[in-house]
Amino acid sequence: MAESALPDTPRTPEQIAAAATELRVVAGRLLRQLRAARADSEVTMSQAVVIGRLAEAPATVADLARAERVRPQSMRVTLAALEERGLVERTPHPTDQRSVLMSLTEAGHRLRRETEQAKQSWLTRAMTEKLTADELDRLMEAVVLLRRLVEP
């Protein structure tokens, strides 16, 4: 993208659309780099998402399927693979005898921590190796703006 104009200069709809396209492309590339930095590449993306959700709180198969907008049968397949690897476990639901809660095992929590650490290490290293101090300052300011874009 071209050098930006002064902050008070009005932007045309075309400039904003071009910036949105560039941001989307760059964000996608950043996400791919972070995925590549995962500590355990044997976990699929759908499994990694489920691990992330279960790191927040135990959930039923139905709750997980709804949250990920997949069929419960598909979620059962994902959970079965994680259970086979000892990353998730079933416990009786405290109020619904027909349901079970899925939760992370200690191995699942450990994998989650290792994965997050690998991503954090890659991003921290890339930021410090590829950006100047001034660029780091600008990036840190941009993070605040990006957060505003995704918050309700």
C-alpha atoms as a PDB file:
ATOM      1  CA  MET A   1       0.000   0.000   0.000  1.00  0.00           C
ATOM      2  CA  ALA A   2       1.186   3.552  -0.657  1.00  0.00           C
ATOM      3  CA  GLU A   3       2.566   5.825   2.022  1.00  0.00           C
ATOM      4  CA  SER A   4      -0.344   7.100   4.122  1.00  0.00           C
ATOM      5  CA  ALA A   5      -1.349  10.718   4.105  1.00  0.00           C
ATOM      6  CA  LEU A   6      -1.591  12.896   7.192  1.00  0.00           C
ATOM      7  CA  PRO A   7      -3.988  11.565   9.859  1.00  0.00           C
ATOM      8  CA  ASP A   8      -6.467  14.427   9.362  1.00  0.00           C
ATOM      9  CA  THR A   9      -6.690  13.934   5.596  1.00  0.00           C
ATOM     10  CA  PRO A  10     -10.118  12.559   4.604  1.00  0.00           C
ATOM     11  CA  ARG A  11     -10.053   9.102   3.040  1.00  0.00           C
ATOM     12  CA  THR A  12     -12.025   8.156  -0.025  1.00  0.00           C
ATOM     13  CA  PRO A  13     -14.234   5.074   0.034  1.00  0.00           C
ATOM     14  CA  GLU A  14     -11.822   3.501  -2.468  1.00  0.00           C
ATOM     15  CA  GLN A  15      -8.835   4.095  -0.156  1.00  0.00           C
ATOM     16  CA  ILE A  16     -10.718   2.606   2.783  1.00  0.00           C
ATOM     17  CA  ALA A  17     -11.766  -0.419   0.694  1.00  0.00           C
ATOM     18  CA  ALA A  18      -8.167  -0.928  -0.462  1.00  0.00           C
ATOM     19  CA  ALA A  19      -6.913  -0.721   3.120  1.00  0.00           C
ATOM     20  CA  ALA A  20      -9.603  -3.197   4.228  1.00  0.00           C
ATOM     21  CA  THR A  21      -8.503  -5.629   1.521  1.00  0.00           C
ATOM     22  CA  GLU A  22      -4.855  -5.293   2.503  1.00  0.00           C
ATOM     23  CA  LEU A  23      -5.702  -5.729   6.194  1.00  0.00           C
ATOM     24  CA  ARG A  24      -7.715  -8.873   5.450  1.00  0.00           C
ATOM     25  CA  VAL A  25      -4.892 -10.364   3.371  1.00  0.00           C
ATOM     26  CA  VAL A  26      -2.229  -9.523   5.948  1.00  0.00           C
ATOM     27  CA  ALA A  27      -4.379 -10.831   8.826  1.00  0.00           C
ATOM     28  CA  GLY A  28      -4.870 -14.096   6.936  1.00  0.00           C
ATOM     29  CA  ARG A  29      -1.134 -14.454   6.356  1.00  0.00           C
ATOM     30  CA  LEU A  30      -0.446 -13.704  10.015  1.00  0.00           C
ATOM     31  CA  LEU A  31      -2.941 -16.371  11.086  1.00  0.00           C
ATOM     32  CA  ARG A  32      -1.318 -18.914   8.760  1.00  0.00           C
ATOM     33  CA  GLN A  33       2.102 -18.111  10.243  1.00  0.00           C
ATOM     34  CA  LEU A  34       0.733 -18.524  13.767  1.00  0.00           C
ATOM     35  CA  ARG A  35      -0.851 -21.859  12.830  1.00  0.00           C
ATOM     36  CA  ALA A  36       2.469 -23.007  11.411  1.00  0.00           C
ATOM     37  CA  ALA A  37       4.150 -22.150  14.718  1.00  0.00           C
ATOM     38  CA  ARG A  38       1.924 -24.583  16.655  1.00  0.00           C
ATOM     39  CA  ALA A  39       3.810 -26.873  18.985  1.00  0.00           C
ATOM     40  CA  ASP A  40       1.947 -30.014  17.848  1.00  0.00           C
ATOM     41  CA  SER A  41       1.195 -30.163  14.151  1.00  0.00           C
ATOM     42  CA  GLU A  42      -0.680 -33.461  14.564  1.00  0.00           C
ATOM     43  CA  VAL A  43      -3.686 -31.559  15.920  1.00  0.00           C
ATOM     44  CA  THR A  44      -6.030 -30.389  13.166  1.00  0.00           C
ATOM     45  CA  MET A  45      -7.418 -26.877  13.127  1.00  0.00           C
ATOM     46  CA  SER A  46     -10.870 -28.084  14.185  1.00  0.00           C
ATOM     47  CA  GLN A  47      -9.306 -30.028  17.057  1.00  0.00           C
ATOM     48  CA  ALA A  48      -7.261 -26.975  18.071  1.00  0.00           C
ATOM     49  CA  VAL A  49     -10.419 -24.849  18.132  1.00  0.00           C
ATOM     50  CA  VAL A  50     -12.174 -27.376  20.365  1.00  0.00           C
ATOM     51  CA  ILE A  51      -9.161 -27.488  22.691  1.00  0.00           C
ATOM     52  CA  GLY A  52      -9.315 -23.698  22.896  1.00  0.00           C
ATOM     53  CA  ARG A  53     -13.008 -23.728  23.750  1.00  0.00           C
ATOM     54  CA  LEU A  54     -12.581 -26.450  26.372  1.00  0.00           C
ATOM     55  CA  ALA A  55      -9.670 -24.526  27.912  1.00  0.00           C
ATOM     56  CA  GLU A  56     -12.255 -21.860  28.800  1.00  0.00           C
ATOM     57  CA  ALA A  57     -14.807 -24.267  30.297  1.00  0.00           C
ATOM     58  CA  PRO A  58     -16.130 -27.817  29.984  1.00  0.00           C
ATOM     59  CA  ALA A  59     -18.978 -28.147  27.480  1.00  0.00           C
ATOM     60  CA  THR A  60     -21.395 -30.661  26.043  1.00  0.00           C
ATOM     61  CA  VAL A  61     -21.048 -32.013  22.524  1.00  0.00           C
ATOM     62  CA  ALA A  62     -24.174 -30.077  21.547  1.00  0.00           C
ATOM     63  CA  ASP A  63     -22.808 -26.810  22.977  1.00  0.00           C
ATOM     64  CA  LEU A  64     -19.520 -27.254  21.133  1.00  0.00           C
ATOM     65  CA  ALA A  65     -21.292 -28.120  17.882  1.00  0.00           C
ATOM     66  CA  ARG A  66     -23.506 -25.029  18.150  1.00  0.00           C
ATOM     67  CA  ALA A  67     -20.551 -22.790  18.959  1.00  0.00           C
ATOM     68  CA  GLU A  68     -18.621 -24.067  15.930  1.00  0.00           C
ATOM     69  CA  ARG A  69     -21.682 -24.269  13.677  1.00  0.00           C
ATOM     70  CA  VAL A  70     -21.169 -27.927  12.856  1.00  0.00           C
ATOM     71  CA  ARG A  71     -23.391 -30.964  13.235  1.00  0.00           C
ATOM     72  CA  PRO A  72     -23.161 -32.812  16.554  1.00  0.00           C
ATOM     73  CA  GLN A  73     -22.020 -35.915  14.632  1.00  0.00           C
ATOM     74  CA  SER A  74     -19.040 -33.963  13.251  1.00  0.00           C
ATOM     75  CA  MET A  75     -18.188 -32.658  16.697  1.00  0.00           C
ATOM     76  CA  ARG A  76     -18.336 -36.211  18.097  1.00  0.00           C
ATOM     77  CA  VAL A  77     -15.740 -37.289  15.518  1.00  0.00           C
ATOM     78  CA  THR A  78     -13.453 -34.397  16.508  1.00  0.00           C
ATOM     79  CA  LEU A  79     -13.880 -35.137  20.206  1.00  0.00           C
ATOM     80  CA  ALA A  80     -13.312 -38.867  19.689  1.00  0.00           C
ATOM     81  CA  ALA A  81      -9.943 -38.160  18.076  1.00  0.00           C
ATOM     82  CA  LEU A  82      -8.976 -35.892  20.981  1.00  0.00           C
ATOM     83  CA  GLU A  83     -10.215 -38.423  23.521  1.00  0.00           C
ATOM     84  CA  GLU A  84      -8.217 -41.181  21.837  1.00  0.00           C
ATOM     85  CA  ARG A  85      -5.080 -39.071  22.280  1.00  0.00           C
ATOM     86  CA  GLY A  86      -5.906 -38.477  25.946  1.00  0.00           C
ATOM     87  CA  LEU A  87      -6.474 -34.733  25.470  1.00  0.00           C
ATOM     88  CA  VAL A  88     -10.145 -34.623  26.513  1.00  0.00           C
ATOM     89  CA  GLU A  89     -12.281 -36.637  28.894  1.00  0.00           C
ATOM     90  CA  ARG A  90     -15.952 -37.173  29.623  1.00  0.00           C
ATOM     91  CA  THR A  91     -17.621 -36.470  32.939  1.00  0.00           C
ATOM     92  CA  PRO A  92     -21.289 -36.766  33.884  1.00  0.00           C
ATOM     93  CA  HIS A  93     -23.275 -33.571  33.448  1.00  0.00           C
ATOM     94  CA  PRO A  94     -24.244 -32.299  36.922  1.00  0.00           C
ATOM     95  CA  THR A  95     -27.860 -31.446  36.025  1.00  0.00           C
ATOM     96  CA  ASP A  96     -28.682 -33.400  32.845  1.00  0.00           C
ATOM     97  CA  GLN A  97     -28.289 -37.171  33.169  1.00  0.00           C
ATOM     98  CA  ARG A  98     -28.618 -37.566  29.381  1.00  0.00           C
ATOM     99  CA  SER A  99     -25.537 -35.424  28.686  1.00  0.00           C
ATOM    100  CA  VAL A 100     -21.855 -35.566  29.409  1.00  0.00           C
ATOM    101  CA  LEU A 101     -19.428 -32.722  29.764  1.00  0.00           C
ATOM    102  CA  MET A 102     -16.230 -32.772  27.780  1.00  0.00           C
ATOM    103  CA  SER A 103     -13.198 -31.202  29.400  1.00  0.00           C
ATOM    104  CA  LEU A 104      -9.472 -31.035  28.848  1.00  0.00           C
ATOM    105  CA  THR A 105      -7.225 -33.508  30.581  1.00  0.00           C
ATOM    106  CA  GLU A 106      -3.917 -32.366  32.038  1.00  0.00           C
ATOM    107  CA  ALA A 107      -2.310 -33.448  28.744  1.00  0.00           C
ATOM    108  CA  GLY A 108      -4.822 -31.274  26.882  1.00  0.00           C
ATOM    109  CA  HIS A 109      -4.039 -28.278  29.078  1.00  0.00           C
ATOM    110  CA  ARG A 110      -0.319 -28.889  28.597  1.00  0.00           C
ATOM    111  CA  LEU A 111      -0.712 -29.051  24.806  1.00  0.00           C
ATOM    112  CA  ARG A 112      -2.723 -25.824  24.894  1.00  0.00           C
ATOM    113  CA  ARG A 113       0.002 -24.066  26.905  1.00  0.00           C
ATOM    114  CA  GLU A 114       2.769 -25.366  24.629  1.00  0.00           C
ATOM    115  CA  THR A 115       0.864 -24.298  21.531  1.00  0.00           C
ATOM    116  CA  GLU A 116       0.198 -20.816  22.902  1.00  0.00           C
ATOM    117  CA  GLN A 117       3.844 -20.480  23.937  1.00  0.00           C
ATOM    118  CA  ALA A 118       5.041 -21.521  20.471  1.00  0.00           C
ATOM    119  CA  LYS A 119       2.785 -18.937  18.822  1.00  0.00           C
ATOM    120  CA  GLN A 120       3.795 -16.231  21.312  1.00  0.00           C
ATOM    121  CA  SER A 121       7.483 -16.983  20.826  1.00  0.00           C
ATOM    122  CA  TRP A 122       7.228 -16.842  17.043  1.00  0.00           C
ATOM    123  CA  LEU A 123       5.313 -13.559  17.050  1.00  0.00           C
ATOM    124  CA  THR A 124       7.543 -11.915  19.656  1.00  0.00           C
ATOM    125  CA  ARG A 125      10.654 -12.967  17.752  1.00  0.00           C
ATOM    126  CA  ALA A 126       9.245 -11.757  14.418  1.00  0.00           C
ATOM    127  CA  MET A 127       8.296  -8.393  15.920  1.00  0.00           C
ATOM    128  CA  THR A 128      11.684  -7.810  17.527  1.00  0.00           C
ATOM    129  CA  GLU A 129      13.713  -9.051  14.546  1.00  0.00           C
ATOM    130  CA  LYS A 130      11.774  -7.397  11.727  1.00  0.00           C
ATOM    131  CA  LEU A 131      10.616  -4.083  13.197  1.00  0.00           C
ATOM    132  CA  THR A 132      12.453  -0.996  14.389  1.00  0.00           C
ATOM    133  CA  ALA A 133      11.644   0.531  17.777  1.00  0.00           C
ATOM    134  CA  ASP A 134       9.472   3.180  16.083  1.00  0.00           C
ATOM    135  CA  GLU A 135       7.651   0.525  14.068  1.00  0.00           C
ATOM    136  CA  LEU A 136       7.053  -1.511  17.228  1.00  0.00           C
ATOM    137  CA  ASP A 137       5.524   1.560  18.866  1.00  0.00           C
ATOM    138  CA  ARG A 138       3.222   2.084  15.865  1.00  0.00           C
ATOM    139  CA  LEU A 139       2.250  -1.577  15.831  1.00  0.00           C
ATOM    140  CA  MET A 140       1.401  -1.466  19.528  1.00  0.00           C
ATOM    141  CA  GLU A 141      -0.820   1.558  18.853  1.00  0.00           C
ATOM    142  CA  ALA A 142      -2.434  -0.259  15.928  1.00  0.00           C
ATOM    143  CA  VAL A 143      -3.313  -3.210  18.155  1.00  0.00           C
ATOM    144  CA  VAL A 144      -5.557  -0.895  20.189  1.00  0.00           C
ATOM    145  CA  LEU A 145      -7.336   0.172  16.991  1.00  0.00           C
ATOM    146  CA  LEU A 146      -7.677  -3.405  15.744  1.00  0.00           C
ATOM    147  CA  ARG A 147      -9.230  -4.401  19.065  1.00  0.00           C
ATOM    148  CA  ARG A 148     -11.831  -1.652  18.588  1.00  0.00           C
ATOM    149  CA  LEU A 149     -12.752  -3.150  15.208  1.00  0.00           C
ATOM    150  CA  VAL A 150     -13.658  -6.518  16.716  1.00  0.00           C
ATOM    151  CA  GLU A 151     -15.235  -5.471  20.010  1.00  0.00           C
ATOM    152  CA  PRO A 152     -19.020  -5.093  20.219  1.00  0.00           C
END
